[in-house]
N, C-alpha and C. Protein backbone atom coordinates (compact mmCIF):
# COMPACT_ATOMS: atom_id res chain seq x y z
N UNK A 1 -11.35 -77.05 22.61
CA UNK A 1 -10.80 -75.92 21.91
C UNK A 1 -9.43 -75.55 22.47
N UNK A 2 -9.29 -75.71 23.74
CA UNK A 2 -7.98 -75.42 24.41
C UNK A 2 -6.93 -76.37 23.84
N UNK A 3 -7.27 -77.66 23.68
CA UNK A 3 -6.35 -78.63 23.13
C UNK A 3 -5.97 -78.25 21.71
N UNK A 4 -6.92 -77.90 20.90
CA UNK A 4 -6.62 -77.50 19.51
C UNK A 4 -5.75 -76.25 19.45
N UNK A 5 -6.02 -75.35 20.39
CA UNK A 5 -5.22 -74.12 20.43
C UNK A 5 -3.79 -74.45 20.78
N UNK A 6 -3.57 -75.38 21.71
CA UNK A 6 -2.22 -75.82 22.06
C UNK A 6 -1.52 -76.49 20.92
N UNK A 7 -2.26 -77.29 20.16
CA UNK A 7 -1.68 -77.96 18.98
C UNK A 7 -1.22 -76.89 17.99
N UNK A 8 -2.06 -75.93 17.76
CA UNK A 8 -1.67 -74.83 16.84
C UNK A 8 -0.47 -74.05 17.35
N UNK A 9 -0.41 -73.84 18.63
CA UNK A 9 0.73 -73.12 19.19
C UNK A 9 1.99 -73.93 19.02
N UNK A 10 1.90 -75.26 19.29
CA UNK A 10 3.07 -76.14 19.14
C UNK A 10 3.55 -76.19 17.71
N UNK A 11 2.61 -76.23 16.76
CA UNK A 11 3.01 -76.23 15.35
C UNK A 11 3.66 -74.91 14.99
N UNK A 12 3.13 -73.81 15.47
CA UNK A 12 3.76 -72.52 15.23
C UNK A 12 5.15 -72.51 15.81
N UNK A 13 5.34 -73.10 16.99
CA UNK A 13 6.65 -73.15 17.62
C UNK A 13 7.66 -73.96 16.72
N UNK A 14 7.15 -75.02 16.12
CA UNK A 14 7.97 -75.80 15.22
C UNK A 14 8.44 -74.95 14.03
N UNK A 15 7.56 -74.21 13.50
CA UNK A 15 7.92 -73.35 12.34
C UNK A 15 8.91 -72.21 12.78
N UNK A 16 8.66 -71.62 13.95
CA UNK A 16 9.57 -70.60 14.44
C UNK A 16 10.93 -71.18 14.71
N UNK A 17 10.98 -72.37 15.30
CA UNK A 17 12.25 -73.05 15.59
C UNK A 17 13.02 -73.29 14.30
N UNK A 18 12.34 -73.76 13.29
CA UNK A 18 13.02 -74.01 12.01
C UNK A 18 13.60 -72.72 11.44
N UNK A 19 12.88 -71.62 11.52
CA UNK A 19 13.41 -70.31 11.01
C UNK A 19 14.58 -69.86 11.85
N UNK A 20 14.52 -70.02 13.17
CA UNK A 20 15.55 -69.56 14.05
C UNK A 20 16.84 -70.40 13.93
N UNK A 21 16.69 -71.64 13.53
CA UNK A 21 17.92 -72.51 13.48
C UNK A 21 18.34 -72.76 12.02
N UNK A 22 17.72 -72.08 11.07
CA UNK A 22 18.12 -72.24 9.69
C UNK A 22 19.58 -71.83 9.54
N UNK A 23 20.36 -72.67 8.88
CA UNK A 23 21.77 -72.40 8.66
C UNK A 23 22.68 -72.95 9.72
N UNK A 24 22.08 -73.47 10.79
CA UNK A 24 22.89 -74.06 11.89
C UNK A 24 23.60 -75.31 11.39
N UNK A 25 22.91 -76.10 10.59
CA UNK A 25 23.49 -77.33 10.02
C UNK A 25 23.70 -77.07 8.53
N UNK A 26 24.72 -77.70 8.01
CA UNK A 26 24.95 -77.62 6.55
C UNK A 26 23.90 -78.49 5.85
N UNK A 27 23.79 -78.32 4.54
CA UNK A 27 22.84 -79.09 3.76
C UNK A 27 23.12 -80.58 3.92
N UNK A 28 24.38 -80.96 3.89
CA UNK A 28 24.74 -82.39 4.02
C UNK A 28 24.34 -82.90 5.42
N UNK A 29 24.55 -82.08 6.44
CA UNK A 29 24.17 -82.50 7.79
C UNK A 29 22.64 -82.65 7.91
N UNK A 30 21.91 -81.76 7.31
CA UNK A 30 20.45 -81.87 7.34
C UNK A 30 19.95 -83.15 6.63
N UNK A 31 20.55 -83.42 5.49
CA UNK A 31 20.19 -84.67 4.78
C UNK A 31 20.51 -85.88 5.65
N UNK A 32 21.67 -85.89 6.28
CA UNK A 32 22.06 -86.99 7.17
C UNK A 32 21.07 -87.17 8.30
N UNK A 33 20.63 -86.09 8.92
CA UNK A 33 19.64 -86.15 9.99
C UNK A 33 18.34 -86.71 9.44
N UNK A 34 17.88 -86.22 8.34
CA UNK A 34 16.64 -86.74 7.75
C UNK A 34 16.72 -88.20 7.40
N UNK A 35 17.86 -88.62 6.92
CA UNK A 35 18.04 -90.03 6.51
C UNK A 35 18.20 -90.94 7.69
N UNK A 36 18.62 -90.40 8.85
CA UNK A 36 18.84 -91.28 10.01
C UNK A 36 17.57 -91.51 10.81
N UNK A 37 16.50 -90.80 10.46
CA UNK A 37 15.27 -90.98 11.21
C UNK A 37 15.50 -90.65 12.68
N UNK A 38 15.17 -91.58 13.54
CA UNK A 38 15.38 -91.38 15.01
C UNK A 38 16.70 -91.91 15.48
N UNK A 39 17.53 -92.35 14.53
CA UNK A 39 18.83 -92.95 14.93
C UNK A 39 19.94 -91.88 14.85
N UNK A 40 19.77 -90.81 15.61
CA UNK A 40 20.70 -89.68 15.53
C UNK A 40 22.10 -90.03 15.95
N UNK A 41 22.20 -91.05 16.79
CA UNK A 41 23.54 -91.47 17.26
C UNK A 41 24.40 -92.05 16.14
N UNK A 42 23.77 -92.34 14.99
CA UNK A 42 24.56 -92.87 13.87
C UNK A 42 25.16 -91.77 12.96
N UNK A 43 24.85 -90.50 13.33
CA UNK A 43 25.36 -89.40 12.51
C UNK A 43 26.86 -89.40 12.53
N UNK A 44 27.46 -89.19 11.37
CA UNK A 44 28.91 -89.14 11.27
C UNK A 44 29.35 -87.68 11.36
N UNK A 45 29.67 -87.28 12.56
CA UNK A 45 30.06 -85.84 12.77
C UNK A 45 31.23 -85.83 13.76
N UNK A 46 32.15 -84.97 13.51
CA UNK A 46 33.30 -84.88 14.40
C UNK A 46 32.96 -84.23 15.71
N UNK A 47 33.67 -84.57 16.76
CA UNK A 47 33.41 -83.93 18.05
C UNK A 47 33.52 -82.39 17.98
N UNK A 48 34.48 -81.92 17.19
CA UNK A 48 34.67 -80.45 17.08
C UNK A 48 33.43 -79.82 16.41
N UNK A 49 32.93 -80.47 15.38
CA UNK A 49 31.71 -79.92 14.69
C UNK A 49 30.50 -80.01 15.62
N UNK A 50 30.37 -81.10 16.35
CA UNK A 50 29.28 -81.23 17.31
C UNK A 50 29.32 -80.12 18.35
N UNK A 51 30.53 -79.81 18.85
CA UNK A 51 30.65 -78.73 19.80
C UNK A 51 30.31 -77.37 19.19
N UNK A 52 30.72 -77.18 17.98
CA UNK A 52 30.39 -75.93 17.24
C UNK A 52 28.87 -75.75 17.11
N UNK A 53 28.20 -76.83 16.72
CA UNK A 53 26.72 -76.77 16.58
C UNK A 53 26.08 -76.50 17.89
N UNK A 54 26.52 -77.21 18.95
CA UNK A 54 25.94 -77.08 20.27
C UNK A 54 26.13 -75.63 20.77
N UNK A 55 27.33 -75.08 20.60
CA UNK A 55 27.58 -73.70 21.11
C UNK A 55 26.69 -72.71 20.34
N UNK A 56 26.53 -72.91 19.01
CA UNK A 56 25.70 -72.03 18.25
C UNK A 56 24.24 -72.10 18.71
N UNK A 57 23.82 -73.29 18.98
CA UNK A 57 22.43 -73.51 19.41
C UNK A 57 22.18 -72.88 20.78
N UNK A 58 23.12 -73.09 21.71
CA UNK A 58 22.96 -72.56 23.07
C UNK A 58 22.87 -71.03 23.03
N UNK A 59 23.61 -70.39 22.12
CA UNK A 59 23.57 -68.93 22.03
C UNK A 59 22.26 -68.41 21.45
N UNK A 60 21.48 -69.30 20.85
CA UNK A 60 20.21 -68.90 20.24
C UNK A 60 19.08 -69.16 21.25
N UNK A 61 18.96 -68.31 22.23
CA UNK A 61 18.01 -68.53 23.30
C UNK A 61 16.55 -68.52 22.80
N UNK A 62 16.26 -67.76 21.73
CA UNK A 62 14.91 -67.80 21.16
C UNK A 62 14.57 -69.19 20.75
N UNK A 63 15.51 -69.91 20.14
CA UNK A 63 15.28 -71.30 19.71
C UNK A 63 15.19 -72.24 20.88
N UNK A 64 16.08 -72.14 21.85
CA UNK A 64 16.06 -73.05 22.97
C UNK A 64 14.81 -72.85 23.82
N UNK A 65 14.25 -71.66 23.85
CA UNK A 65 13.03 -71.40 24.62
C UNK A 65 11.85 -72.16 24.01
N UNK A 66 11.94 -72.48 22.77
CA UNK A 66 10.83 -73.22 22.11
C UNK A 66 10.87 -74.75 22.32
N UNK A 67 11.96 -75.25 22.87
CA UNK A 67 12.10 -76.71 23.02
C UNK A 67 10.96 -77.41 23.77
N UNK A 68 10.46 -76.87 24.85
CA UNK A 68 9.35 -77.56 25.51
C UNK A 68 8.12 -77.75 24.59
N UNK A 69 7.81 -76.74 23.83
CA UNK A 69 6.67 -76.83 22.90
C UNK A 69 6.98 -77.83 21.80
N UNK A 70 8.24 -77.89 21.34
CA UNK A 70 8.59 -78.84 20.29
C UNK A 70 8.51 -80.27 20.78
N UNK A 71 8.93 -80.50 21.96
CA UNK A 71 8.85 -81.88 22.57
C UNK A 71 7.35 -82.26 22.67
N UNK A 72 6.57 -81.37 23.12
CA UNK A 72 5.12 -81.66 23.26
C UNK A 72 4.49 -81.93 21.89
N UNK A 73 4.88 -81.08 20.90
CA UNK A 73 4.31 -81.22 19.52
C UNK A 73 4.70 -82.58 18.95
N UNK A 74 5.96 -82.98 19.08
CA UNK A 74 6.40 -84.26 18.50
C UNK A 74 5.84 -85.43 19.27
N UNK A 75 5.70 -85.30 20.59
CA UNK A 75 5.12 -86.40 21.36
C UNK A 75 3.64 -86.59 20.93
N UNK A 76 2.94 -85.49 20.74
CA UNK A 76 1.53 -85.57 20.31
C UNK A 76 1.45 -86.23 18.93
N UNK A 77 2.31 -85.78 18.01
CA UNK A 77 2.30 -86.37 16.65
C UNK A 77 2.57 -87.86 16.71
N UNK A 78 3.53 -88.28 17.51
CA UNK A 78 3.89 -89.67 17.62
C UNK A 78 2.63 -90.45 18.11
N UNK A 79 1.98 -89.90 19.14
CA UNK A 79 0.79 -90.55 19.66
C UNK A 79 -0.30 -90.70 18.55
N UNK A 80 -0.53 -89.67 17.82
CA UNK A 80 -1.53 -89.72 16.76
C UNK A 80 -1.16 -90.73 15.70
N UNK A 81 0.11 -90.73 15.31
CA UNK A 81 0.59 -91.71 14.29
C UNK A 81 0.46 -93.12 14.80
N UNK A 82 0.85 -93.37 16.04
CA UNK A 82 0.75 -94.72 16.59
C UNK A 82 -0.73 -95.19 16.69
N UNK A 83 -1.61 -94.27 17.06
CA UNK A 83 -3.04 -94.62 17.13
C UNK A 83 -3.56 -94.93 15.74
N UNK A 84 -3.17 -94.18 14.75
CA UNK A 84 -3.62 -94.41 13.38
C UNK A 84 -3.07 -95.73 12.89
N UNK A 85 -1.83 -96.04 13.20
CA UNK A 85 -1.25 -97.32 12.80
C UNK A 85 -1.97 -98.48 13.46
N UNK A 86 -2.28 -98.37 14.74
CA UNK A 86 -3.02 -99.43 15.44
C UNK A 86 -4.40 -99.62 14.82
N UNK A 87 -5.08 -98.53 14.52
CA UNK A 87 -6.42 -98.63 13.95
C UNK A 87 -6.33 -99.24 12.55
N UNK A 88 -5.30 -98.93 11.78
CA UNK A 88 -5.11 -99.52 10.47
C UNK A 88 -4.92 -100.97 10.57
N UNK A 89 -4.13 -101.44 11.55
CA UNK A 89 -3.87 -102.83 11.75
C UNK A 89 -5.17 -103.57 12.14
N UNK A 90 -6.02 -102.90 12.95
CA UNK A 90 -7.29 -103.51 13.32
C UNK A 90 -8.18 -103.68 12.10
N UNK A 91 -8.20 -102.64 11.26
CA UNK A 91 -9.06 -102.72 10.07
C UNK A 91 -8.55 -103.75 9.07
N UNK A 92 -7.24 -103.87 8.94
CA UNK A 92 -6.69 -104.92 8.11
C UNK A 92 -7.07 -106.32 8.60
N UNK A 93 -7.00 -106.48 9.91
CA UNK A 93 -7.35 -107.80 10.49
C UNK A 93 -8.82 -108.07 10.25
N UNK A 94 -9.67 -107.09 10.42
CA UNK A 94 -11.11 -107.27 10.13
C UNK A 94 -11.33 -107.59 8.68
N UNK A 95 -10.61 -106.94 7.80
CA UNK A 95 -10.70 -107.17 6.36
C UNK A 95 -10.33 -108.60 6.02
N UNK A 96 -9.21 -109.08 6.62
CA UNK A 96 -8.76 -110.44 6.42
C UNK A 96 -9.79 -111.47 6.92
N UNK A 97 -10.38 -111.13 8.07
CA UNK A 97 -11.40 -112.07 8.63
C UNK A 97 -12.63 -112.11 7.69
N UNK A 98 -13.06 -110.95 7.21
CA UNK A 98 -14.21 -110.96 6.28
C UNK A 98 -13.85 -111.68 5.00
N UNK A 99 -12.66 -111.53 4.48
CA UNK A 99 -12.28 -112.21 3.28
C UNK A 99 -12.27 -113.72 3.51
N UNK A 100 -11.83 -114.16 4.68
CA UNK A 100 -11.83 -115.60 4.98
C UNK A 100 -13.25 -116.10 5.05
N UNK A 101 -14.13 -115.35 5.60
CA UNK A 101 -15.56 -115.79 5.72
C UNK A 101 -16.22 -115.88 4.34
N UNK A 102 -15.77 -115.04 3.39
CA UNK A 102 -16.35 -115.07 2.07
C UNK A 102 -15.82 -116.21 1.24
N UNK A 103 -14.70 -116.76 1.58
CA UNK A 103 -14.12 -117.88 0.80
C UNK A 103 -14.86 -119.15 1.02
């Protein structure tokens, strides 16, 4: 129960963070981040704009205070997704083996 409570808290932190940082990036910047996946270093942004975003974010202490929970939330989600992917691969291999046996 404690684990589930923490997951709920981390998800709440994600939603709070999104509300607190709304408007920090332009619509085009948000789309670019979404399209880049985890390849944020490929974002096409000027150093001046990056500094502007960073300064705005630093001044938003309510948002920065949520970062530890966000990291935990995303790390947990990644673990769950990876485990589901591994299990899916195992099931596909079993399915292929059974199909071979039936041939």
